[in-house]
C-alpha cells in the first residue's frame, strides 16, 4: 500500500477544510489571578468544563471539540457529580449548566454575566434555596482574558457589564 499526498485548492476542499475555518467565540477565560482567588476560597477546582488547551484553568478539562489534553468532548456528556467543577459556559448554556448541576448532584463555581433580564436569571434565583451558597461580583476591568477567536462582548475592556461567580454546593 502506498499513500501519496495531493494538494487540493481551498475552494475545492470546502468540506475537509471546514474545521480549520471555525472560530470559537467562547474561548475567552477568567484571568488567572481571579481564578486563583476563587480557587483558594471555593477550591480546589478539579475540572474546567468549558475549556480548551489554550484557556483551561485546571489540569483536567472538557472541550467543545477535540484538542490536545482534553479529558472529554462535550461537558454535558460527562458526569459532574464527583468533581469540584469550574464552569465558565457561554451564557446561552447557563440553564443547561444549572440543570446538569442538579441532575448530577454536583458542586461547582459558575461564572456568568449579571444579566437580570437573561433567560437564566429566574432559574438562578430559584436555585438559591437548593444549591446556591455564595456569590461574588468580579471587577469589570481585568477579569477576562481574550481567547484566540472573536470574543464579542467579552473582548472589550473594561466589560460593559458585571460578571458574577456563583458557588453551588449540593445539599440532599
N, C-alpha and C. Protein backbone atom coordinates (compact mmCIF):
# COMPACT_ATOMS: atom_id res chain seq x y z
N UNK A 1 0.85 -1.17 0.00
CA UNK A 1 0.00 0.00 0.00
C UNK A 1 0.90 1.23 0.00
N UNK A 2 0.48 2.22 -0.76
CA UNK A 2 1.25 3.45 -0.85
C UNK A 2 0.29 4.63 -0.71
N UNK A 3 0.69 5.60 0.10
CA UNK A 3 -0.12 6.82 0.29
C UNK A 3 0.64 7.96 -0.36
N UNK A 4 -0.07 8.67 -1.23
CA UNK A 4 0.54 9.80 -1.92
C UNK A 4 -0.27 11.06 -1.60
N UNK A 5 0.36 12.04 -0.93
CA UNK A 5 -0.38 13.27 -0.64
C UNK A 5 -0.65 14.05 -1.92
N UNK A 6 -1.79 14.71 -1.93
CA UNK A 6 -2.15 15.52 -3.09
C UNK A 6 -2.73 16.84 -2.59
N UNK A 7 -2.24 17.95 -3.12
CA UNK A 7 -2.74 19.26 -2.74
C UNK A 7 -4.03 19.54 -3.50
N UNK A 8 -5.02 20.02 -2.77
CA UNK A 8 -6.30 20.39 -3.36
C UNK A 8 -6.54 21.85 -3.02
N UNK A 9 -6.87 22.69 -3.99
CA UNK A 9 -7.13 24.11 -3.70
C UNK A 9 -8.26 24.26 -2.68
N UNK A 10 -8.13 25.26 -1.84
CA UNK A 10 -9.10 25.51 -0.76
C UNK A 10 -10.53 25.60 -1.27
N UNK A 11 -10.73 26.27 -2.39
CA UNK A 11 -12.09 26.44 -2.91
C UNK A 11 -12.72 25.12 -3.36
N UNK A 12 -11.90 24.11 -3.60
CA UNK A 12 -12.41 22.78 -3.98
C UNK A 12 -12.40 21.81 -2.79
N UNK A 13 -11.97 22.27 -1.63
CA UNK A 13 -11.79 21.42 -0.46
C UNK A 13 -12.63 21.92 0.72
N UNK A 14 -13.81 22.43 0.46
CA UNK A 14 -14.62 23.08 1.50
C UNK A 14 -15.00 22.13 2.65
N UNK A 15 -15.38 20.92 2.35
CA UNK A 15 -15.82 20.01 3.40
C UNK A 15 -14.66 19.60 4.31
N UNK A 16 -13.54 19.20 3.75
CA UNK A 16 -12.40 18.76 4.53
C UNK A 16 -11.75 19.91 5.30
N UNK A 17 -11.90 21.12 4.79
CA UNK A 17 -11.25 22.29 5.38
C UNK A 17 -12.15 23.03 6.38
N UNK A 18 -13.37 22.55 6.58
CA UNK A 18 -14.35 23.27 7.39
C UNK A 18 -13.89 23.54 8.82
N UNK A 19 -13.37 22.54 9.52
CA UNK A 19 -12.97 22.74 10.91
C UNK A 19 -11.84 23.75 11.07
N UNK A 20 -10.96 23.84 10.10
CA UNK A 20 -9.86 24.81 10.20
C UNK A 20 -10.37 26.24 10.07
N UNK A 21 -11.57 26.41 9.58
CA UNK A 21 -12.16 27.75 9.42
C UNK A 21 -13.01 28.16 10.62
N UNK A 22 -13.30 27.24 11.50
CA UNK A 22 -14.14 27.55 12.66
C UNK A 22 -13.40 28.44 13.65
N UNK A 23 -14.06 29.45 14.11
CA UNK A 23 -13.52 30.33 15.15
C UNK A 23 -14.41 30.18 16.37
N UNK A 24 -13.83 29.88 17.50
CA UNK A 24 -14.58 29.70 18.73
C UNK A 24 -14.74 31.04 19.43
N UNK A 25 -15.93 31.59 19.38
CA UNK A 25 -16.20 32.89 20.00
C UNK A 25 -16.23 32.78 21.53
N UNK A 26 -16.23 31.58 22.06
CA UNK A 26 -16.36 31.38 23.50
C UNK A 26 -15.06 30.90 24.14
N UNK A 27 -13.92 31.20 23.53
CA UNK A 27 -12.66 30.69 24.09
C UNK A 27 -11.97 31.70 25.02
N UNK A 28 -12.65 32.71 25.46
CA UNK A 28 -12.12 33.64 26.46
C UNK A 28 -12.08 32.93 27.80
N UNK A 29 -11.37 33.49 28.75
CA UNK A 29 -11.29 32.87 30.07
C UNK A 29 -11.21 33.94 31.16
N UNK A 30 -11.42 33.50 32.36
CA UNK A 30 -11.26 34.37 33.52
C UNK A 30 -9.76 34.50 33.77
N UNK A 31 -9.33 35.68 34.18
CA UNK A 31 -7.89 35.89 34.40
C UNK A 31 -7.38 34.92 35.47
N UNK A 32 -6.15 34.47 35.33
CA UNK A 32 -5.59 33.53 36.32
C UNK A 32 -5.62 34.08 37.75
N UNK A 33 -5.44 35.39 37.93
CA UNK A 33 -5.49 35.97 39.28
C UNK A 33 -6.86 35.81 39.92
N UNK A 34 -7.91 36.06 39.14
CA UNK A 34 -9.28 35.90 39.65
C UNK A 34 -9.54 34.42 39.94
N UNK A 35 -9.14 33.55 39.01
CA UNK A 35 -9.33 32.12 39.23
C UNK A 35 -8.63 31.67 40.52
N UNK A 36 -7.39 32.07 40.69
CA UNK A 36 -6.63 31.65 41.89
C UNK A 36 -7.31 32.14 43.16
N UNK A 37 -7.85 33.35 43.14
CA UNK A 37 -8.56 33.88 44.31
C UNK A 37 -9.79 33.04 44.62
N UNK A 38 -10.58 32.72 43.60
CA UNK A 38 -11.78 31.90 43.81
C UNK A 38 -11.41 30.46 44.16
N UNK A 39 -10.33 29.96 43.60
CA UNK A 39 -9.88 28.60 43.89
C UNK A 39 -9.43 28.46 45.34
N UNK A 40 -8.85 29.51 45.89
CA UNK A 40 -8.45 29.49 47.31
C UNK A 40 -9.66 29.40 48.22
N UNK A 41 -10.74 30.08 47.84
CA UNK A 41 -11.94 30.14 48.68
C UNK A 41 -12.85 28.92 48.45
N UNK A 42 -13.05 28.54 47.19
CA UNK A 42 -14.04 27.52 46.86
C UNK A 42 -13.42 26.28 46.22
N UNK A 43 -12.13 26.19 46.18
CA UNK A 43 -11.46 25.09 45.50
C UNK A 43 -10.94 24.06 46.47
N UNK A 44 -10.06 23.20 45.99
CA UNK A 44 -9.52 23.26 44.63
C UNK A 44 -10.52 22.75 43.60
N UNK A 45 -10.59 23.45 42.47
CA UNK A 45 -11.44 23.01 41.37
C UNK A 45 -10.70 21.90 40.63
N UNK A 46 -11.42 20.86 40.27
CA UNK A 46 -10.77 19.68 39.68
C UNK A 46 -10.94 19.57 38.18
N UNK A 47 -12.02 20.13 37.63
CA UNK A 47 -12.27 20.04 36.18
C UNK A 47 -12.80 21.37 35.67
N UNK A 48 -12.21 21.85 34.58
CA UNK A 48 -12.70 23.02 33.86
C UNK A 48 -13.60 22.48 32.75
N UNK A 49 -14.89 22.68 32.88
CA UNK A 49 -15.85 22.02 31.99
C UNK A 49 -16.02 22.66 30.61
N UNK A 50 -15.70 23.93 30.46
CA UNK A 50 -15.89 24.62 29.18
C UNK A 50 -14.58 25.27 28.78
N UNK A 51 -13.62 24.47 28.34
CA UNK A 51 -12.27 24.97 28.11
C UNK A 51 -11.69 24.38 26.82
N UNK A 52 -10.46 24.76 26.57
CA UNK A 52 -9.65 24.12 25.54
C UNK A 52 -8.20 24.15 26.03
N UNK A 53 -7.28 23.65 25.22
CA UNK A 53 -5.90 23.55 25.69
C UNK A 53 -5.21 24.91 25.80
N UNK A 54 -5.83 25.98 25.33
CA UNK A 54 -5.25 27.32 25.43
C UNK A 54 -5.79 28.11 26.63
N UNK A 55 -6.96 27.75 27.14
CA UNK A 55 -7.57 28.59 28.18
C UNK A 55 -7.96 27.85 29.46
N UNK A 56 -7.64 26.58 29.57
CA UNK A 56 -8.05 25.82 30.75
C UNK A 56 -7.41 26.37 32.03
N UNK A 57 -8.15 26.32 33.11
CA UNK A 57 -7.65 26.74 34.43
C UNK A 57 -7.28 25.53 35.28
N UNK A 58 -7.69 24.34 34.86
CA UNK A 58 -7.44 23.12 35.62
C UNK A 58 -6.65 22.13 34.76
N UNK A 59 -5.97 21.19 35.41
CA UNK A 59 -5.24 20.17 34.66
C UNK A 59 -6.19 19.31 33.83
N UNK A 60 -7.37 19.04 34.38
CA UNK A 60 -8.38 18.25 33.69
C UNK A 60 -9.42 19.20 33.11
N UNK A 61 -9.77 19.01 31.84
CA UNK A 61 -10.76 19.89 31.22
C UNK A 61 -11.56 19.15 30.16
N UNK A 62 -12.75 19.68 29.89
CA UNK A 62 -13.60 19.21 28.79
C UNK A 62 -13.62 20.31 27.74
N UNK A 63 -13.73 19.91 26.49
CA UNK A 63 -13.70 20.87 25.40
C UNK A 63 -14.89 20.69 24.46
N UNK A 64 -15.12 21.71 23.67
CA UNK A 64 -16.19 21.71 22.68
C UNK A 64 -15.86 20.73 21.55
N UNK A 65 -14.58 20.76 21.11
CA UNK A 65 -14.05 19.88 20.08
C UNK A 65 -12.82 19.20 20.63
N UNK A 66 -12.35 18.19 19.90
CA UNK A 66 -11.12 17.55 20.34
C UNK A 66 -9.98 18.55 20.28
N UNK A 67 -9.13 18.54 21.30
CA UNK A 67 -7.88 19.31 21.31
C UNK A 67 -6.92 18.56 22.23
N UNK A 68 -5.66 18.90 22.11
CA UNK A 68 -4.64 18.22 22.91
C UNK A 68 -4.95 18.36 24.40
N UNK A 69 -4.92 17.25 25.12
CA UNK A 69 -5.10 17.25 26.56
C UNK A 69 -6.52 17.16 27.07
N UNK A 70 -7.50 17.23 26.18
CA UNK A 70 -8.89 17.19 26.65
C UNK A 70 -9.20 15.85 27.31
N UNK A 71 -10.00 15.92 28.37
CA UNK A 71 -10.42 14.73 29.09
C UNK A 71 -11.77 14.23 28.59
N UNK A 72 -12.44 15.06 27.81
CA UNK A 72 -13.74 14.69 27.28
C UNK A 72 -14.28 15.78 26.39
N UNK A 73 -15.00 15.38 25.36
CA UNK A 73 -15.62 16.33 24.45
C UNK A 73 -17.09 16.43 24.83
N UNK A 74 -17.58 17.66 24.92
CA UNK A 74 -18.95 17.98 25.31
C UNK A 74 -19.15 17.75 26.81
N UNK A 75 -19.02 18.82 27.55
CA UNK A 75 -19.14 18.77 29.02
C UNK A 75 -20.44 18.13 29.48
N UNK A 76 -21.50 18.29 28.73
CA UNK A 76 -22.80 17.77 29.15
C UNK A 76 -22.88 16.25 29.03
N UNK A 77 -21.94 15.64 28.34
CA UNK A 77 -21.91 14.18 28.22
C UNK A 77 -21.07 13.55 29.33
N UNK A 78 -20.46 14.35 30.18
CA UNK A 78 -19.61 13.86 31.27
C UNK A 78 -20.43 13.86 32.57
N UNK A 79 -20.00 13.09 33.55
CA UNK A 79 -20.62 13.10 34.88
C UNK A 79 -19.88 14.11 35.74
N UNK A 80 -20.62 15.05 36.35
CA UNK A 80 -20.03 16.13 37.13
C UNK A 80 -20.04 15.87 38.63
N UNK A 81 -20.75 14.85 39.07
CA UNK A 81 -21.01 14.66 40.49
C UNK A 81 -19.81 14.38 41.39
N UNK A 82 -18.73 13.89 40.85
CA UNK A 82 -17.57 13.55 41.68
C UNK A 82 -16.50 14.63 41.70
N UNK A 83 -16.79 15.78 41.10
CA UNK A 83 -15.78 16.82 40.95
C UNK A 83 -16.22 18.14 41.55
N UNK A 84 -15.23 18.99 41.77
CA UNK A 84 -15.48 20.39 42.11
C UNK A 84 -15.28 21.14 40.79
N UNK A 85 -16.37 21.46 40.13
CA UNK A 85 -16.37 21.93 38.76
C UNK A 85 -16.12 23.43 38.64
N UNK A 86 -15.26 23.80 37.69
CA UNK A 86 -15.06 25.19 37.29
C UNK A 86 -15.85 25.36 36.00
N UNK A 87 -16.84 26.26 36.02
CA UNK A 87 -17.79 26.36 34.92
C UNK A 87 -17.89 27.80 34.43
N UNK A 88 -17.33 28.05 33.27
CA UNK A 88 -17.44 29.36 32.63
C UNK A 88 -18.06 29.11 31.25
N UNK A 89 -19.38 28.85 31.24
CA UNK A 89 -20.03 28.48 29.99
C UNK A 89 -20.38 29.71 29.16
N UNK A 90 -20.62 29.51 27.86
CA UNK A 90 -21.26 30.58 27.11
C UNK A 90 -22.60 30.88 27.78
N UNK A 91 -22.98 32.13 27.95
CA UNK A 91 -24.23 32.45 28.65
C UNK A 91 -25.46 31.72 28.11
N UNK A 92 -25.48 31.44 26.82
CA UNK A 92 -26.64 30.75 26.24
C UNK A 92 -26.82 29.34 26.80
N UNK A 93 -25.77 28.79 27.44
CA UNK A 93 -25.84 27.44 28.00
C UNK A 93 -26.10 27.42 29.51
N UNK A 94 -26.31 28.57 30.11
CA UNK A 94 -26.44 28.66 31.57
C UNK A 94 -27.55 27.77 32.13
N UNK A 95 -28.71 27.76 31.52
CA UNK A 95 -29.82 26.95 32.03
C UNK A 95 -29.45 25.47 31.99
N UNK A 96 -28.80 25.03 30.92
CA UNK A 96 -28.35 23.64 30.84
C UNK A 96 -27.32 23.32 31.92
N UNK A 97 -26.46 24.28 32.23
CA UNK A 97 -25.46 24.09 33.29
C UNK A 97 -26.16 23.91 34.64
N UNK A 98 -27.13 24.76 34.94
CA UNK A 98 -27.86 24.65 36.22
C UNK A 98 -28.56 23.30 36.31
N UNK A 99 -29.19 22.87 35.23
CA UNK A 99 -29.88 21.57 35.23
C UNK A 99 -28.89 20.42 35.42
N UNK A 100 -27.73 20.52 34.79
CA UNK A 100 -26.71 19.48 34.91
C UNK A 100 -26.19 19.41 36.36
N UNK A 101 -25.97 20.55 36.99
CA UNK A 101 -25.56 20.57 38.40
C UNK A 101 -26.59 19.86 39.26
N UNK A 102 -27.87 20.13 39.02
CA UNK A 102 -28.94 19.47 39.77
C UNK A 102 -28.99 17.98 39.50
N UNK A 103 -28.98 17.60 38.23
CA UNK A 103 -29.11 16.18 37.85
C UNK A 103 -27.95 15.34 38.36
N UNK A 104 -26.73 15.90 38.33
CA UNK A 104 -25.56 15.15 38.76
C UNK A 104 -25.23 15.36 40.24
N UNK A 105 -26.07 16.15 40.94
CA UNK A 105 -25.83 16.48 42.35
C UNK A 105 -24.39 16.96 42.52
N UNK A 106 -24.03 17.95 41.71
CA UNK A 106 -22.64 18.38 41.60
C UNK A 106 -22.38 19.71 42.30
N UNK A 107 -21.13 19.88 42.71
CA UNK A 107 -20.63 21.13 43.27
C UNK A 107 -19.84 21.86 42.20
N UNK A 108 -19.86 23.19 42.28
CA UNK A 108 -19.06 23.92 41.31
C UNK A 108 -19.19 25.42 41.46
N UNK A 109 -18.33 26.11 40.74
CA UNK A 109 -18.34 27.56 40.65
C UNK A 109 -18.69 27.92 39.22
N UNK A 110 -19.74 28.71 39.05
CA UNK A 110 -20.21 29.13 37.74
C UNK A 110 -19.95 30.62 37.60
N UNK A 111 -19.36 31.01 36.48
CA UNK A 111 -19.14 32.42 36.20
C UNK A 111 -20.01 32.81 35.01
N UNK A 112 -20.84 33.83 35.23
CA UNK A 112 -21.78 34.30 34.22
C UNK A 112 -21.93 35.82 34.31
N UNK A 113 -22.42 36.43 33.24
CA UNK A 113 -22.76 37.85 33.33
C UNK A 113 -23.93 38.06 34.30
N UNK A 114 -23.89 39.15 35.00
CA UNK A 114 -25.00 39.50 35.90
C UNK A 114 -26.06 40.23 35.06
N UNK A 115 -26.78 39.43 34.29
CA UNK A 115 -27.81 39.95 33.40
C UNK A 115 -29.16 39.57 33.98
N UNK A 116 -29.79 40.47 34.67
CA UNK A 116 -31.07 40.19 35.34
C UNK A 116 -32.22 40.01 34.36
N UNK A 117 -32.03 40.40 33.10
CA UNK A 117 -33.07 40.18 32.09
C UNK A 117 -32.82 38.91 31.27
N UNK A 118 -31.75 38.19 31.58
CA UNK A 118 -31.42 36.96 30.84
C UNK A 118 -32.40 35.84 31.18
N UNK A 119 -32.56 34.92 30.26
CA UNK A 119 -33.46 33.79 30.49
C UNK A 119 -33.04 32.96 31.69
N UNK A 120 -31.77 32.90 31.99
CA UNK A 120 -31.30 32.07 33.10
C UNK A 120 -31.51 32.71 34.47
N UNK A 121 -31.75 34.02 34.54
CA UNK A 121 -31.79 34.71 35.82
C UNK A 121 -32.88 34.19 36.77
N UNK A 122 -34.14 34.01 36.32
CA UNK A 122 -35.17 33.48 37.25
C UNK A 122 -34.82 32.10 37.80
N UNK A 123 -34.26 31.24 36.97
CA UNK A 123 -33.86 29.91 37.46
C UNK A 123 -32.73 30.03 38.47
N UNK A 124 -31.77 30.88 38.20
CA UNK A 124 -30.67 31.11 39.14
C UNK A 124 -31.20 31.56 40.50
N UNK A 125 -32.12 32.49 40.50
CA UNK A 125 -32.68 33.00 41.75
C UNK A 125 -33.48 31.91 42.48
N UNK A 126 -34.16 31.04 41.73
CA UNK A 126 -34.94 29.97 42.37
C UNK A 126 -34.03 28.89 42.97
N UNK A 127 -32.80 28.79 42.48
CA UNK A 127 -31.87 27.78 42.99
C UNK A 127 -31.19 28.21 44.28
N UNK A 128 -31.40 29.43 44.69
CA UNK A 128 -30.76 29.94 45.92
C UNK A 128 -30.98 29.01 47.11
N UNK A 129 -32.18 28.49 47.24
CA UNK A 129 -32.52 27.65 48.39
C UNK A 129 -31.92 26.25 48.29
N UNK A 130 -31.72 25.75 47.07
CA UNK A 130 -31.26 24.37 46.89
C UNK A 130 -29.74 24.25 46.84
N UNK A 131 -29.12 25.08 46.00
CA UNK A 131 -27.70 24.87 45.72
C UNK A 131 -26.82 26.08 45.97
N UNK A 132 -27.36 27.22 45.80
CA UNK A 132 -26.64 28.47 45.75
C UNK A 132 -26.07 28.80 47.12
N UNK A 133 -24.78 28.87 47.25
CA UNK A 133 -24.16 29.13 48.54
C UNK A 133 -23.65 30.56 48.66
N UNK A 134 -22.98 31.05 47.63
CA UNK A 134 -22.37 32.35 47.72
C UNK A 134 -22.27 32.95 46.33
N UNK A 135 -22.14 34.26 46.28
CA UNK A 135 -22.00 34.95 45.01
C UNK A 135 -21.00 36.09 45.18
N UNK A 136 -20.16 36.28 44.18
CA UNK A 136 -19.18 37.37 44.19
C UNK A 136 -19.24 38.09 42.87
N UNK A 137 -19.17 39.40 42.92
CA UNK A 137 -19.09 40.20 41.70
C UNK A 137 -17.62 40.39 41.35
N UNK A 138 -17.29 40.14 40.10
CA UNK A 138 -15.91 40.27 39.63
C UNK A 138 -15.69 41.68 39.07
N UNK A 139 -14.46 42.16 39.12
CA UNK A 139 -14.19 43.50 38.58
C UNK A 139 -14.43 43.55 37.07
N UNK A 140 -14.90 44.70 36.58
CA UNK A 140 -15.16 44.84 35.15
C UNK A 140 -13.86 44.94 34.34
N UNK A 141 -12.82 45.40 34.96
CA UNK A 141 -11.54 45.55 34.27
C UNK A 141 -10.57 44.46 34.72
N UNK A 142 -10.06 43.70 33.78
CA UNK A 142 -9.04 42.70 34.09
C UNK A 142 -9.55 41.33 34.49
N UNK A 143 -10.86 41.09 34.44
CA UNK A 143 -11.39 39.78 34.83
C UNK A 143 -11.32 38.76 33.70
N UNK A 144 -11.33 39.26 32.46
CA UNK A 144 -11.40 38.39 31.30
C UNK A 144 -10.12 38.49 30.47
N UNK A 145 -9.65 37.33 30.01
CA UNK A 145 -8.52 37.25 29.09
C UNK A 145 -9.09 36.80 27.75
N UNK A 146 -8.82 37.57 26.72
CA UNK A 146 -9.30 37.22 25.37
C UNK A 146 -8.75 35.88 24.92
N UNK A 147 -9.53 35.20 24.11
CA UNK A 147 -9.09 33.96 23.51
C UNK A 147 -8.52 34.19 22.13
N UNK A 148 -8.43 33.13 21.36
CA UNK A 148 -7.87 33.22 20.02
C UNK A 148 -8.90 33.60 18.97
N UNK A 149 -10.18 33.39 19.28
CA UNK A 149 -11.24 33.70 18.32
C UNK A 149 -11.83 35.08 18.57
N UNK A 150 -12.90 35.36 17.85
CA UNK A 150 -13.64 36.60 18.05
C UNK A 150 -14.45 36.41 19.31
N UNK A 151 -14.22 37.22 20.33
CA UNK A 151 -14.85 37.01 21.62
C UNK A 151 -15.98 37.97 21.92
N UNK A 152 -16.46 38.69 20.92
CA UNK A 152 -17.63 39.54 21.05
C UNK A 152 -17.58 40.46 22.26
N UNK A 153 -18.64 40.45 23.04
CA UNK A 153 -18.74 41.35 24.19
C UNK A 153 -17.73 41.04 25.28
N UNK A 154 -17.14 39.86 25.27
CA UNK A 154 -16.15 39.51 26.27
C UNK A 154 -14.75 39.98 25.90
N UNK A 155 -14.60 40.56 24.71
CA UNK A 155 -13.30 41.03 24.24
C UNK A 155 -12.99 42.46 24.68
N UNK A 156 -14.01 43.23 25.01
CA UNK A 156 -13.77 44.64 25.34
C UNK A 156 -13.33 44.80 26.80
N UNK A 157 -12.48 45.77 27.02
CA UNK A 157 -12.00 46.08 28.38
C UNK A 157 -12.20 47.56 28.64
N UNK A 158 -12.82 47.98 29.69
CA UNK A 158 -13.49 47.11 30.66
C UNK A 158 -14.77 46.53 30.07
N UNK A 159 -15.26 45.47 30.69
CA UNK A 159 -16.52 44.89 30.26
C UNK A 159 -17.64 45.91 30.47
N UNK A 160 -18.65 45.84 29.65
CA UNK A 160 -19.79 46.74 29.78
C UNK A 160 -20.85 46.21 30.73
N UNK A 161 -20.52 45.20 31.49
CA UNK A 161 -21.45 44.56 32.43
C UNK A 161 -20.61 43.88 33.50
N UNK A 162 -21.26 43.45 34.57
CA UNK A 162 -20.55 42.74 35.63
C UNK A 162 -20.63 41.24 35.41
N UNK A 163 -19.58 40.55 35.78
CA UNK A 163 -19.58 39.09 35.85
C UNK A 163 -19.74 38.70 37.31
N UNK A 164 -20.42 37.60 37.53
CA UNK A 164 -20.57 37.09 38.89
C UNK A 164 -20.06 35.66 38.95
N UNK A 165 -19.47 35.31 40.07
CA UNK A 165 -19.07 33.93 40.36
C UNK A 165 -20.06 33.41 41.38
N UNK A 166 -20.72 32.33 41.05
CA UNK A 166 -21.76 31.74 41.90
C UNK A 166 -21.27 30.39 42.38
N UNK A 167 -21.26 30.19 43.68
CA UNK A 167 -20.81 28.91 44.25
C UNK A 167 -22.02 28.05 44.51
N UNK A 168 -22.02 26.84 43.95
CA UNK A 168 -23.08 25.88 44.16
C UNK A 168 -22.54 24.69 44.93
N UNK A 169 -23.24 24.32 45.99
CA UNK A 169 -22.89 23.13 46.77
C UNK A 169 -24.17 22.29 46.90
N UNK A 170 -24.08 21.05 46.56
CA UNK A 170 -25.24 20.16 46.60
C UNK A 170 -25.63 19.86 48.03
N UNK A 171 -26.92 19.94 48.33
CA UNK A 171 -27.50 19.55 49.63
C UNK A 171 -28.58 18.53 49.39
N UNK A 172 -28.54 17.42 50.11
CA UNK A 172 -29.59 16.39 49.99
C UNK A 172 -30.87 16.88 50.61
